[in-house]
Amino acid sequence: MLPLPSAQQLRYLIALSELRHFGRAAAACAVTQSTLSAGIMALERQLDAQLLDRTVGKKVVFTPLGHDIANKGRQALEALEAVPQLAAAARTPLTGALRLGIIPTIGPFLLTPLVKIIRLRFPQIVLSLTEDTTEHLLEKLSLGRLDMLVLAMPCLCDGTETLPLWQDPFHVVMPEGHDLSHLTHVPVERLENQRMIMMEDGHCLREQTLAVCRQGRGWDSSDGEGDSTFTATSLQTMVEMVELSLGIGVVPALAIENGLLQNHRVVARPLSGGPVWRTIGLAWRPRSPRAADFHTLASAFATLAPATRETPRPDLSAIGKKDTARSK
């Protein structure tokens, strides 16, 4: 019988394939860089195959065979990790550890009611939380370091199962007395020639804002990147920049309804025309043995949608269908 790679060896290989950096891959696996490197070299000897091209200097380049083995290894590791998870889920659903990731433009405004509903309705769940950008959360999900994510869609979340919960409309936030402040709704076309304050790269709200702006004018891929555009690391910072009349920003209703604009001399007006909202939703790894648990959690989380929201709540009878949730 051929010797099989260990789960740890596969974790090392998959982490390196995902991150393309020995130091970051070692950190993701909670080992030293030398341990990770030695583990991959041992795997190469065991398979009698070269997985990495070491003729290109310090760059991490996989051979074609190494790329294929990493992909197969990811599938094998997911299947192996599913065995104890499936047994645990069958014994007692909705118990044990739940490693939840949430993005910064949702976390500050949804975290408290979300944690409360988990504690109240699912007291046997041991919750841990990670707040990070969409890209980093998806990376941690693919590496098995998180179980489920709370995201804003559309986003580049290929390779996950996603489930929409509710739509979160966008508003334009502007200084008091701004020339758009007399409007009850701001058509997307009126954003033309406005100085926009964007979230920094890595935040899905940045791409969603650019997509909204492109509806009103022919932006190219470089729009929003010039010297006249300000970037913020948080919605709180964005509002402060708007108050200083540095520009206007696009902010989701969830943040406004939870007090983001309090004590700031700014006004908010709903956007109109075209798809002017994001969708709050969940994501997890495909074929997860805990999918039934995640569906139950989705039903509970959907009750957190504001009662005054005009957009419909999701049809949870359609659970299980994949939402591609891709950016346009």
C-alpha atoms as a PDB file:
ATOM      1  CA  MET A   1       0.000   0.000   0.000  1.00  0.00           C
ATOM      2  CA  LEU A   2       1.296   3.423  -0.907  1.00  0.00           C
ATOM      3  CA  PRO A   3       2.124   5.670   2.084  1.00  0.00           C
ATOM      4  CA  LEU A   4      -0.502   8.370   2.535  1.00  0.00           C
ATOM      5  CA  PRO A   5       0.254  12.034   3.267  1.00  0.00           C
ATOM      6  CA  SER A   6      -0.631  13.123   6.770  1.00  0.00           C
ATOM      7  CA  ALA A   7      -3.327  15.700   7.437  1.00  0.00           C
ATOM      8  CA  GLN A   8      -0.650  18.061   8.745  1.00  0.00           C
ATOM      9  CA  GLN A   9       1.389  17.756   5.556  1.00  0.00           C
ATOM     10  CA  LEU A  10      -1.696  18.573   3.524  1.00  0.00           C
ATOM     11  CA  ARG A  11      -2.424  21.598   5.725  1.00  0.00           C
ATOM     12  CA  TYR A  12       1.096  22.884   5.107  1.00  0.00           C
ATOM     13  CA  LEU A  13       0.799  22.390   1.350  1.00  0.00           C
ATOM     14  CA  ILE A  14      -2.658  23.966   1.117  1.00  0.00           C
ATOM     15  CA  ALA A  15      -1.651  26.971   3.214  1.00  0.00           C
ATOM     16  CA  LEU A  16       1.381  27.579   1.013  1.00  0.00           C
ATOM     17  CA  SER A  17      -0.755  27.175  -2.106  1.00  0.00           C
ATOM     18  CA  GLU A  18      -3.273  29.722  -0.796  1.00  0.00           C
ATOM     19  CA  LEU A  19      -0.844  32.296   0.607  1.00  0.00           C
ATOM     20  CA  ARG A  20       2.213  31.868  -1.656  1.00  0.00           C
ATOM     21  CA  HIS A  21       4.493  32.909   1.170  1.00  0.00           C
ATOM     22  CA  PHE A  22       6.348  30.597   3.571  1.00  0.00           C
ATOM     23  CA  GLY A  23       6.156  32.977   6.520  1.00  0.00           C
ATOM     24  CA  ARG A  24       2.428  33.668   6.219  1.00  0.00           C
ATOM     25  CA  ALA A  25       1.669  30.002   5.544  1.00  0.00           C
ATOM     26  CA  ALA A  26       3.625  28.986   8.653  1.00  0.00           C
ATOM     27  CA  ALA A  27       1.752  31.574  10.727  1.00  0.00           C
ATOM     28  CA  ALA A  28      -1.568  30.306   9.382  1.00  0.00           C
ATOM     29  CA  CYS A  29      -0.623  26.782  10.473  1.00  0.00           C
ATOM     30  CA  ALA A  30       0.738  28.006  13.845  1.00  0.00           C
ATOM     31  CA  VAL A  31       4.205  26.530  13.210  1.00  0.00           C
ATOM     32  CA  THR A  32       7.631  27.921  12.454  1.00  0.00           C
ATOM     33  CA  GLN A  33       8.680  28.535   8.881  1.00  0.00           C
ATOM     34  CA  SER A  34      11.366  25.860   9.124  1.00  0.00           C
ATOM     35  CA  THR A  35       8.802  23.311  10.349  1.00  0.00           C
ATOM     36  CA  LEU A  36       6.493  24.054   7.444  1.00  0.00           C
ATOM     37  CA  SER A  37       9.329  23.918   4.918  1.00  0.00           C
ATOM     38  CA  ALA A  38      10.585  20.626   6.333  1.00  0.00           C
ATOM     39  CA  GLY A  39       7.079  19.173   6.244  1.00  0.00           C
ATOM     40  CA  ILE A  40       6.639  20.002   2.562  1.00  0.00           C
ATOM     41  CA  MET A  41      10.073  18.608   1.699  1.00  0.00           C
ATOM     42  CA  ALA A  42       9.175  15.414   3.571  1.00  0.00           C
ATOM     43  CA  LEU A  43       5.979  15.184   1.537  1.00  0.00           C
ATOM     44  CA  GLU A  44       7.970  15.558  -1.679  1.00  0.00           C
ATOM     45  CA  ARG A  45      10.296  12.739  -0.644  1.00  0.00           C
ATOM     46  CA  GLN A  46       7.350  10.582   0.357  1.00  0.00           C
ATOM     47  CA  LEU A  47       5.632  11.107  -3.002  1.00  0.00           C
ATOM     48  CA  ASP A  48       8.915  11.084  -4.929  1.00  0.00           C
ATOM     49  CA  ALA A  49       7.689  14.197  -6.719  1.00  0.00           C
ATOM     50  CA  GLN A  50       8.719  17.842  -6.990  1.00  0.00           C
ATOM     51  CA  LEU A  51       5.853  20.043  -5.826  1.00  0.00           C
ATOM     52  CA  LEU A  52       7.668  23.403  -5.822  1.00  0.00           C
ATOM     53  CA  ASP A  53       9.859  25.028  -8.456  1.00  0.00           C
ATOM     54  CA  ARG A  54      12.914  26.095  -6.464  1.00  0.00           C
ATOM     55  CA  THR A  55      14.772  27.573  -9.447  1.00  0.00           C
ATOM     56  CA  VAL A  56      12.953  30.923  -9.254  1.00  0.00           C
ATOM     57  CA  GLY A  57      14.585  32.337  -6.135  1.00  0.00           C
ATOM     58  CA  LYS A  58      12.449  33.324  -3.173  1.00  0.00           C
ATOM     59  CA  LYS A  59       9.165  33.311  -5.064  1.00  0.00           C
ATOM     60  CA  VAL A  60       6.750  30.478  -4.232  1.00  0.00           C
ATOM     61  CA  VAL A  61       5.982  28.755  -7.525  1.00  0.00           C
ATOM     62  CA  PHE A  62       4.206  25.408  -7.674  1.00  0.00           C
ATOM     63  CA  THR A  63       4.972  22.912 -10.405  1.00  0.00           C
ATOM     64  CA  PRO A  64       1.952  21.798 -12.443  1.00  0.00           C
ATOM     65  CA  LEU A  65       1.969  18.541 -10.476  1.00  0.00           C
ATOM     66  CA  GLY A  66       2.280  20.445  -7.207  1.00  0.00           C
ATOM     67  CA  HIS A  67      -0.709  22.575  -8.150  1.00  0.00           C
ATOM     68  CA  ASP A  68      -2.800  19.488  -8.918  1.00  0.00           C
ATOM     69  CA  ILE A  69      -1.758  17.747  -5.703  1.00  0.00           C
ATOM     70  CA  ALA A  70      -2.592  20.838  -3.641  1.00  0.00           C
ATOM     71  CA  ASN A  71      -6.083  20.893  -5.148  1.00  0.00           C
ATOM     72  CA  LYS A  72      -6.580  17.179  -4.500  1.00  0.00           C
ATOM     73  CA  GLY A  73      -5.148  17.603  -1.024  1.00  0.00           C
ATOM     74  CA  ARG A  74      -7.666  20.359  -0.267  1.00  0.00           C
ATOM     75  CA  GLN A  75     -10.529  18.065  -1.226  1.00  0.00           C
ATOM     76  CA  ALA A  76      -9.052  15.186   0.796  1.00  0.00           C
ATOM     77  CA  LEU A  77      -8.516  17.342   3.883  1.00  0.00           C
ATOM     78  CA  GLU A  78     -12.052  18.738   3.718  1.00  0.00           C
ATOM     79  CA  ALA A  79     -13.399  15.189   3.513  1.00  0.00           C
ATOM     80  CA  LEU A  80     -11.220  14.052   6.407  1.00  0.00           C
ATOM     81  CA  GLU A  81     -12.210  16.988   8.621  1.00  0.00           C
ATOM     82  CA  ALA A  82     -15.868  16.335   7.788  1.00  0.00           C
ATOM     83  CA  VAL A  83     -15.774  12.898   9.457  1.00  0.00           C
ATOM     84  CA  PRO A  84     -15.698  14.053  13.121  1.00  0.00           C
ATOM     85  CA  GLN A  85     -17.855  17.068  12.306  1.00  0.00           C
ATOM     86  CA  LEU A  86     -20.520  14.838  10.778  1.00  0.00           C
ATOM     87  CA  ALA A  87     -20.494  12.548  13.793  1.00  0.00           C
ATOM     88  CA  ALA A  88     -20.725  15.485  16.206  1.00  0.00           C
ATOM     89  CA  ALA A  89     -23.539  17.123  14.245  1.00  0.00           C
ATOM     90  CA  ALA A  90     -25.489  13.851  14.197  1.00  0.00           C
ATOM     91  CA  ARG A  91     -25.098  13.384  17.953  1.00  0.00           C
ATOM     92  CA  THR A  92     -26.156  16.850  19.017  1.00  0.00           C
ATOM     93  CA  PRO A  93     -26.927  19.548  16.421  1.00  0.00           C
ATOM     94  CA  LEU A  94     -26.057  23.174  17.151  1.00  0.00           C
ATOM     95  CA  THR A  95     -23.474  22.431  19.815  1.00  0.00           C
ATOM     96  CA  GLY A  96     -19.739  22.900  20.139  1.00  0.00           C
ATOM     97  CA  ALA A  97     -17.413  25.469  18.625  1.00  0.00           C
ATOM     98  CA  LEU A  98     -18.591  27.939  16.000  1.00  0.00           C
ATOM     99  CA  ARG A  99     -15.819  30.098  14.559  1.00  0.00           C
ATOM    100  CA  LEU A 100     -17.622  33.026  12.999  1.00  0.00           C
ATOM    101  CA  GLY A 101     -16.083  35.706  10.792  1.00  0.00           C
ATOM    102  CA  ILE A 102     -17.690  39.098  10.198  1.00  0.00           C
ATOM    103  CA  ILE A 103     -16.663  42.110   8.124  1.00  0.00           C
ATOM    104  CA  PRO A 104     -15.983  45.567   9.657  1.00  0.00           C
ATOM    105  CA  THR A 105     -18.881  47.279   7.882  1.00  0.00           C
ATOM    106  CA  ILE A 106     -21.328  44.835   9.513  1.00  0.00           C
ATOM    107  CA  GLY A 107     -19.705  43.833  12.804  1.00  0.00           C
ATOM    108  CA  PRO A 108     -20.115  47.046  14.841  1.00  0.00           C
ATOM    109  CA  PHE A 109     -23.799  47.276  13.920  1.00  0.00           C
ATOM    110  CA  LEU A 110     -24.982  43.649  13.996  1.00  0.00           C
ATOM    111  CA  LEU A 111     -22.659  41.925  16.441  1.00  0.00           C
ATOM    112  CA  THR A 112     -24.582  42.618  19.654  1.00  0.00           C
ATOM    113  CA  PRO A 113     -27.992  41.296  18.509  1.00  0.00           C
ATOM    114  CA  LEU A 114     -26.313  38.422  16.674  1.00  0.00           C
ATOM    115  CA  VAL A 115     -24.419  37.256  19.772  1.00  0.00           C
ATOM    116  CA  LYS A 116     -27.530  37.690  21.906  1.00  0.00           C
ATOM    117  CA  ILE A 117     -29.642  35.521  19.622  1.00  0.00           C
ATOM    118  CA  ILE A 118     -26.992  32.782  19.615  1.00  0.00           C
ATOM    119  CA  ARG A 119     -26.772  32.829  23.412  1.00  0.00           C
ATOM    120  CA  LEU A 120     -30.544  32.826  23.812  1.00  0.00           C
ATOM    121  CA  ARG A 121     -31.556  30.260  21.207  1.00  0.00           C
ATOM    122  CA  PHE A 122     -28.421  28.124  20.897  1.00  0.00           C
ATOM    123  CA  PRO A 123     -26.770  28.143  24.323  1.00  0.00           C
ATOM    124  CA  GLN A 124     -24.711  25.014  23.600  1.00  0.00           C
ATOM    125  CA  ILE A 125     -22.747  26.802  20.866  1.00  0.00           C
ATOM    126  CA  VAL A 126     -19.282  27.978  21.932  1.00  0.00           C
ATOM    127  CA  LEU A 127     -18.803  31.105  19.843  1.00  0.00           C
ATOM    128  CA  SER A 128     -15.537  32.682  18.738  1.00  0.00           C
ATOM    129  CA  LEU A 129     -15.430  35.785  16.534  1.00  0.00           C
ATOM    130  CA  THR A 130     -13.020  37.233  13.987  1.00  0.00           C
ATOM    131  CA  GLU A 131     -13.490  40.637  12.355  1.00  0.00           C
ATOM    132  CA  ASP A 132     -11.555  41.178   9.137  1.00  0.00           C
ATOM    133  CA  THR A 133     -11.953  42.187   5.505  1.00  0.00           C
ATOM    134  CA  THR A 134     -13.832  39.928   3.123  1.00  0.00           C
ATOM    135  CA  GLU A 135     -10.672  38.764   1.367  1.00  0.00           C
ATOM    136  CA  HIS A 136      -8.955  37.734   4.581  1.00  0.00           C
ATOM    137  CA  LEU A 137     -12.056  36.046   5.990  1.00  0.00           C
ATOM    138  CA  LEU A 138     -12.525  33.987   2.826  1.00  0.00           C
ATOM    139  CA  GLU A 139      -8.880  32.976   3.030  1.00  0.00           C
ATOM    140  CA  LYS A 140      -9.324  31.801   6.621  1.00  0.00           C
ATOM    141  CA  LEU A 141     -12.522  29.982   5.686  1.00  0.00           C
ATOM    142  CA  SER A 142     -10.780  28.096   2.878  1.00  0.00           C
ATOM    143  CA  LEU A 143      -7.957  27.123   5.247  1.00  0.00           C
ATOM    144  CA  GLY A 144     -10.427  25.728   7.765  1.00  0.00           C
ATOM    145  CA  ARG A 145      -9.723  28.392  10.394  1.00  0.00           C
ATOM    146  CA  LEU A 146     -13.318  29.701  10.306  1.00  0.00           C
ATOM    147  CA  ASP A 147     -16.624  27.870   9.978  1.00  0.00           C
ATOM    148  CA  MET A 148     -19.048  30.516   8.752  1.00  0.00           C
ATOM    149  CA  LEU A 149     -18.910  34.139   7.600  1.00  0.00           C
ATOM    150  CA  VAL A 150     -21.295  37.093   7.766  1.00  0.00           C
ATOM    151  CA  LEU A 151     -20.647  39.031   4.555  1.00  0.00           C
ATOM    152  CA  ALA A 152     -22.074  41.744   2.338  1.00  0.00           C
ATOM    153  CA  MET A 153     -22.792  40.624  -1.199  1.00  0.00           C
ATOM    154  CA  PRO A 154     -22.058  40.898  -4.045  1.00  0.00           C
ATOM    155  CA  CYS A 155     -18.494  39.887  -3.277  1.00  0.00           C
ATOM    156  CA  LEU A 156     -15.841  37.689  -4.798  1.00  0.00           C
ATOM    157  CA  CYS A 157     -16.733  34.630  -2.741  1.00  0.00           C
ATOM    158  CA  ASP A 158     -16.342  31.883  -5.321  1.00  0.00           C
ATOM    159  CA  GLY A 159     -15.809  28.463  -3.812  1.00  0.00           C
ATOM    160  CA  THR A 160     -18.304  28.979  -0.983  1.00  0.00           C
ATOM    161  CA  GLU A 161     -21.949  28.241  -0.375  1.00  0.00           C
ATOM    162  CA  THR A 162     -23.774  31.520   0.258  1.00  0.00           C
ATOM    163  CA  LEU A 163     -27.218  32.337   1.579  1.00  0.00           C
ATOM    164  CA  PRO A 164     -28.741  35.849   1.419  1.00  0.00           C
ATOM    165  CA  LEU A 165     -30.566  37.121   4.512  1.00  0.00           C
ATOM    166  CA  TRP A 166     -31.836  40.607   3.664  1.00  0.00           C
ATOM    167  CA  GLN A 167     -31.067  43.633   1.519  1.00  0.00           C
ATOM    168  CA  ASP A 168     -29.357  46.625   3.092  1.00  0.00           C
ATOM    169  CA  PRO A 169     -30.039  49.832   1.096  1.00  0.00           C
ATOM    170  CA  PHE A 170     -27.330  52.420   0.464  1.00  0.00           C
ATOM    171  CA  HIS A 171     -27.572  56.078   1.505  1.00  0.00           C
ATOM    172  CA  VAL A 172     -25.475  59.053   0.492  1.00  0.00           C
ATOM    173  CA  VAL A 173     -23.967  60.806   3.490  1.00  0.00           C
ATOM    174  CA  MET A 174     -23.043  64.463   2.966  1.00  0.00           C
ATOM    175  CA  PRO A 175     -22.275  67.570   5.018  1.00  0.00           C
ATOM    176  CA  GLU A 176     -25.177  69.708   6.172  1.00  0.00           C
ATOM    177  CA  GLY A 177     -26.052  72.229   3.483  1.00  0.00           C
ATOM    178  CA  HIS A 178     -24.591  70.164   0.651  1.00  0.00           C
ATOM    179  CA  ASP A 179     -26.122  70.848  -2.764  1.00  0.00           C
ATOM    180  CA  LEU A 180     -27.757  67.365  -2.745  1.00  0.00           C
ATOM    181  CA  SER A 181     -29.185  67.682   0.757  1.00  0.00           C
ATOM    182  CA  HIS A 182     -32.487  69.203  -0.431  1.00  0.00           C
ATOM    183  CA  LEU A 183     -33.358  65.954  -2.260  1.00  0.00           C
ATOM    184  CA  THR A 184     -35.458  63.264  -0.586  1.00  0.00           C
ATOM    185  CA  HIS A 185     -33.671  60.593  -2.688  1.00  0.00           C
ATOM    186  CA  VAL A 186     -30.416  60.944  -4.585  1.00  0.00           C
ATOM    187  CA  PRO A 187     -30.401  59.387  -8.084  1.00  0.00           C
ATOM    188  CA  VAL A 188     -27.141  57.613  -8.832  1.00  0.00           C
ATOM    189  CA  GLU A 189     -26.634  59.961 -11.791  1.00  0.00           C
ATOM    190  CA  ARG A 190     -26.222  62.863  -9.333  1.00  0.00           C
ATOM    191  CA  LEU A 191     -23.037  61.272  -7.976  1.00  0.00           C
ATOM    192  CA  GLU A 192     -21.277  62.348 -11.154  1.00  0.00           C
ATOM    193  CA  ASN A 193     -18.521  64.882 -10.505  1.00  0.00           C
ATOM    194  CA  GLN A 194     -18.900  64.473  -6.745  1.00  0.00           C
ATOM    195  CA  ARG A 195     -15.793  63.884  -4.665  1.00  0.00           C
ATOM    196  CA  MET A 196     -16.338  60.408  -3.225  1.00  0.00           C
ATOM    197  CA  ILE A 197     -14.856  59.118   0.015  1.00  0.00           C
ATOM    198  CA  MET A 198     -14.195  55.406  -0.400  1.00  0.00           C
ATOM    199  CA  MET A 199     -13.305  52.603   1.945  1.00  0.00           C
ATOM    200  CA  GLU A 200      -9.726  51.466   1.452  1.00  0.00           C
ATOM    201  CA  ASP A 201      -8.796  48.493  -0.735  1.00  0.00           C
ATOM    202  CA  GLY A 202      -9.799  45.150   0.703  1.00  0.00           C
ATOM    203  CA  HIS A 203     -13.254  46.269   1.859  1.00  0.00           C
ATOM    204  CA  CYS A 204     -16.110  44.932  -0.277  1.00  0.00           C
ATOM    205  CA  LEU A 205     -18.009  48.182   0.368  1.00  0.00           C
ATOM    206  CA  ARG A 206     -15.433  49.953  -1.788  1.00  0.00           C
ATOM    207  CA  GLU A 207     -16.213  47.742  -4.786  1.00  0.00           C
ATOM    208  CA  GLN A 208     -19.931  47.965  -4.096  1.00  0.00           C
ATOM    209  CA  THR A 209     -19.707  51.780  -4.017  1.00  0.00           C
ATOM    210  CA  LEU A 210     -17.802  51.826  -7.304  1.00  0.00           C
ATOM    211  CA  ALA A 211     -20.430  49.539  -8.841  1.00  0.00           C
ATOM    212  CA  VAL A 212     -23.177  51.951  -7.749  1.00  0.00           C
ATOM    213  CA  CYS A 213     -21.301  54.930  -9.172  1.00  0.00           C
ATOM    214  CA  ARG A 214     -20.746  53.162 -12.490  1.00  0.00           C
ATOM    215  CA  GLN A 215     -24.521  52.909 -12.907  1.00  0.00           C
ATOM    216  CA  GLY A 216     -24.699  56.669 -13.204  1.00  0.00           C
ATOM    217  CA  ARG A 217     -21.689  57.269 -15.405  1.00  0.00           C
ATOM    218  CA  GLY A 218     -19.061  55.451 -17.418  1.00  0.00           C
ATOM    219  CA  TRP A 219     -16.380  54.926 -14.834  1.00  0.00           C
ATOM    220  CA  ASP A 220     -13.411  52.891 -15.928  1.00  0.00           C
ATOM    221  CA  SER A 221     -11.323  50.635 -13.685  1.00  0.00           C
ATOM    222  CA  SER A 222      -9.143  53.521 -12.565  1.00  0.00           C
ATOM    223  CA  ASP A 223     -12.014  55.638 -11.215  1.00  0.00           C
ATOM    224  CA  GLY A 224     -11.812  56.280  -7.517  1.00  0.00           C
ATOM    225  CA  GLU A 225      -8.041  55.926  -7.565  1.00  0.00           C
ATOM    226  CA  GLY A 226      -7.025  59.535  -8.191  1.00  0.00           C
ATOM    227  CA  ASP A 227      -5.629  62.181  -5.870  1.00  0.00           C
ATOM    228  CA  SER A 228      -9.064  63.782  -5.500  1.00  0.00           C
ATOM    229  CA  THR A 229     -10.462  60.694  -3.743  1.00  0.00           C
ATOM    230  CA  PHE A 230     -10.114  60.100  -0.012  1.00  0.00           C
ATOM    231  CA  THR A 231     -10.050  56.626   1.516  1.00  0.00           C
ATOM    232  CA  ALA A 232     -11.126  55.522   4.984  1.00  0.00           C
ATOM    233  CA  THR A 233     -10.355  52.437   7.042  1.00  0.00           C
ATOM    234  CA  SER A 234     -13.772  52.420   8.746  1.00  0.00           C
ATOM    235  CA  LEU A 235     -17.239  53.853   8.334  1.00  0.00           C
ATOM    236  CA  GLN A 236     -16.675  55.956  11.453  1.00  0.00           C
ATOM    237  CA  THR A 237     -13.657  57.607   9.813  1.00  0.00           C
ATOM    238  CA  MET A 238     -15.604  58.093   6.593  1.00  0.00           C
ATOM    239  CA  VAL A 239     -18.338  60.019   8.426  1.00  0.00           C
ATOM    240  CA  GLU A 240     -15.755  62.254  10.095  1.00  0.00           C
ATOM    241  CA  MET A 241     -14.214  63.019   6.705  1.00  0.00           C
ATOM    242  CA  VAL A 242     -17.660  63.843   5.309  1.00  0.00           C
ATOM    243  CA  GLU A 243     -18.306  66.166   8.267  1.00  0.00           C
ATOM    244  CA  LEU A 244     -15.078  67.981   7.370  1.00  0.00           C
ATOM    245  CA  SER A 245     -16.485  68.535   3.839  1.00  0.00           C
ATOM    246  CA  LEU A 246     -13.773  66.405   2.250  1.00  0.00           C
ATOM    247  CA  GLY A 247     -16.377  64.649   0.115  1.00  0.00           C
ATOM    248  CA  ILE A 248     -19.486  62.510   0.297  1.00  0.00           C
ATOM    249  CA  GLY A 249     -19.780  58.806   1.014  1.00  0.00           C
ATOM    250  CA  VAL A 250     -22.029  55.812   0.408  1.00  0.00           C
ATOM    251  CA  VAL A 251     -23.095  54.194   3.676  1.00  0.00           C
ATOM    252  CA  PRO A 252     -25.389  51.183   4.270  1.00  0.00           C
ATOM    253  CA  ALA A 253     -28.663  51.679   6.119  1.00  0.00           C
ATOM    254  CA  LEU A 254     -27.631  49.125   8.766  1.00  0.00           C
ATOM    255  CA  ALA A 255     -24.913  51.485  10.000  1.00  0.00           C
ATOM    256  CA  ILE A 256     -27.159  54.562   9.963  1.00  0.00           C
ATOM    257  CA  GLU A 257     -29.959  52.785  11.830  1.00  0.00           C
ATOM    258  CA  ASN A 258     -27.459  51.832  14.540  1.00  0.00           C
ATOM    259  CA  GLY A 259     -26.308  55.361  15.289  1.00  0.00           C
ATOM    260  CA  LEU A 260     -23.339  55.872  12.978  1.00  0.00           C
ATOM    261  CA  LEU A 261     -24.307  59.493  12.250  1.00  0.00           C
ATOM    262  CA  GLN A 262     -25.160  60.532  15.803  1.00  0.00           C
ATOM    263  CA  ASN A 263     -23.338  63.660  16.985  1.00  0.00           C
ATOM    264  CA  HIS A 264     -22.108  64.439  13.463  1.00  0.00           C
ATOM    265  CA  ARG A 265     -23.184  67.429  11.383  1.00  0.00           C
ATOM    266  CA  VAL A 266     -24.052  65.344   8.342  1.00  0.00           C
ATOM    267  CA  VAL A 267     -27.247  64.263   6.588  1.00  0.00           C
ATOM    268  CA  ALA A 268     -28.147  61.016   4.818  1.00  0.00           C
ATOM    269  CA  ARG A 269     -30.376  60.544   1.791  1.00  0.00           C
ATOM    270  CA  PRO A 270     -31.399  57.194   0.217  1.00  0.00           C
ATOM    271  CA  LEU A 271     -29.956  56.390  -3.186  1.00  0.00           C
ATOM    272  CA  SER A 272     -32.346  55.623  -6.042  1.00  0.00           C
ATOM    273  CA  GLY A 273     -32.053  54.131  -9.494  1.00  0.00           C
ATOM    274  CA  GLY A 274     -30.734  50.651 -10.251  1.00  0.00           C
ATOM    275  CA  PRO A 275     -29.543  48.143  -7.631  1.00  0.00           C
ATOM    276  CA  VAL A 276     -28.561  50.483  -4.785  1.00  0.00           C
ATOM    277  CA  TRP A 277     -28.167  48.050  -1.938  1.00  0.00           C
ATOM    278  CA  ARG A 278     -25.943  45.306  -0.624  1.00  0.00           C
ATOM    279  CA  THR A 279     -27.180  41.950   0.650  1.00  0.00           C
ATOM    280  CA  ILE A 280     -26.326  40.717   4.131  1.00  0.00           C
ATOM    281  CA  GLY A 281     -25.673  36.995   3.918  1.00  0.00           C
ATOM    282  CA  LEU A 282     -23.813  33.963   5.193  1.00  0.00           C
ATOM    283  CA  ALA A 283     -21.063  31.877   3.594  1.00  0.00           C
ATOM    284  CA  TRP A 284     -19.483  28.537   4.442  1.00  0.00           C
ATOM    285  CA  ARG A 285     -17.415  25.829   2.776  1.00  0.00           C
ATOM    286  CA  PRO A 286     -19.230  23.710   0.182  1.00  0.00           C
ATOM    287  CA  ARG A 287     -20.470  20.318   1.341  1.00  0.00           C
ATOM    288  CA  SER A 288     -19.953  21.250   4.983  1.00  0.00           C
ATOM    289  CA  PRO A 289     -21.342  18.555   7.317  1.00  0.00           C
ATOM    290  CA  ARG A 290     -22.694  21.387   9.458  1.00  0.00           C
ATOM    291  CA  ALA A 291     -24.794  22.832   6.639  1.00  0.00           C
ATOM    292  CA  ALA A 292     -28.038  21.953   8.445  1.00  0.00           C
ATOM    293  CA  ASP A 293     -26.826  23.895  11.499  1.00  0.00           C
ATOM    294  CA  PHE A 294     -25.949  26.886   9.323  1.00  0.00           C
ATOM    295  CA  HIS A 295     -29.405  26.819   7.732  1.00  0.00           C
ATOM    296  CA  THR A 296     -30.983  26.903  11.193  1.00  0.00           C
ATOM    297  CA  LEU A 297     -28.729  29.793  12.215  1.00  0.00           C
ATOM    298  CA  ALA A 298     -29.669  31.619   9.001  1.00  0.00           C
ATOM    299  CA  SER A 299     -33.347  31.412   9.904  1.00  0.00           C
ATOM    300  CA  ALA A 300     -32.572  32.908  13.318  1.00  0.00           C
ATOM    301  CA  PHE A 301     -30.308  35.635  11.921  1.00  0.00           C
ATOM    302  CA  ALA A 302     -32.937  36.618   9.334  1.00  0.00           C
ATOM    303  CA  THR A 303     -35.166  37.775  12.193  1.00  0.00           C
ATOM    304  CA  LEU A 304     -32.641  40.561  12.843  1.00  0.00           C
ATOM    305  CA  ALA A 305     -33.635  42.314   9.609  1.00  0.00           C
ATOM    306  CA  PRO A 306     -35.190  45.721  10.420  1.00  0.00           C
ATOM    307  CA  ALA A 307     -38.989  45.546  10.468  1.00  0.00           C
ATOM    308  CA  THR A 308     -39.188  48.771   8.445  1.00  0.00           C
ATOM    309  CA  ARG A 309     -37.059  47.441   5.609  1.00  0.00           C
ATOM    310  CA  GLU A 310     -38.890  47.683   2.300  1.00  0.00           C
ATOM    311  CA  THR A 311     -36.858  44.945   0.655  1.00  0.00           C
ATOM    312  CA  PRO A 312     -38.178  41.406   1.179  1.00  0.00           C
ATOM    313  CA  ARG A 313     -36.557  38.932   3.483  1.00  0.00           C
ATOM    314  CA  PRO A 314     -35.102  35.822   1.863  1.00  0.00           C
ATOM    315  CA  ASP A 315     -37.213  32.826   1.022  1.00  0.00           C
ATOM    316  CA  LEU A 316     -35.598  30.326   3.356  1.00  0.00           C
ATOM    317  CA  SER A 317     -37.479  27.501   1.664  1.00  0.00           C
ATOM    318  CA  ALA A 318     -34.885  27.891  -1.067  1.00  0.00           C
ATOM    319  CA  ILE A 319     -32.018  27.153   1.312  1.00  0.00           C
ATOM    320  CA  GLY A 320     -29.334  25.073  -0.271  1.00  0.00           C
ATOM    321  CA  LYS A 321     -29.304  26.877  -3.571  1.00  0.00           C
ATOM    322  CA  LYS A 322     -26.007  28.515  -4.300  1.00  0.00           C
ATOM    323  CA  ASP A 323     -25.826  32.284  -4.695  1.00  0.00           C
ATOM    324  CA  THR A 324     -22.832  32.982  -6.877  1.00  0.00           C
ATOM    325  CA  ALA A 325     -22.576  36.448  -5.309  1.00  0.00           C
ATOM    326  CA  ARG A 326     -20.002  37.748  -7.729  1.00  0.00           C
ATOM    327  CA  SER A 327     -19.010  41.351  -8.188  1.00  0.00           C
ATOM    328  CA  LYS A 328     -19.803  42.845 -11.528  1.00  0.00           C
END
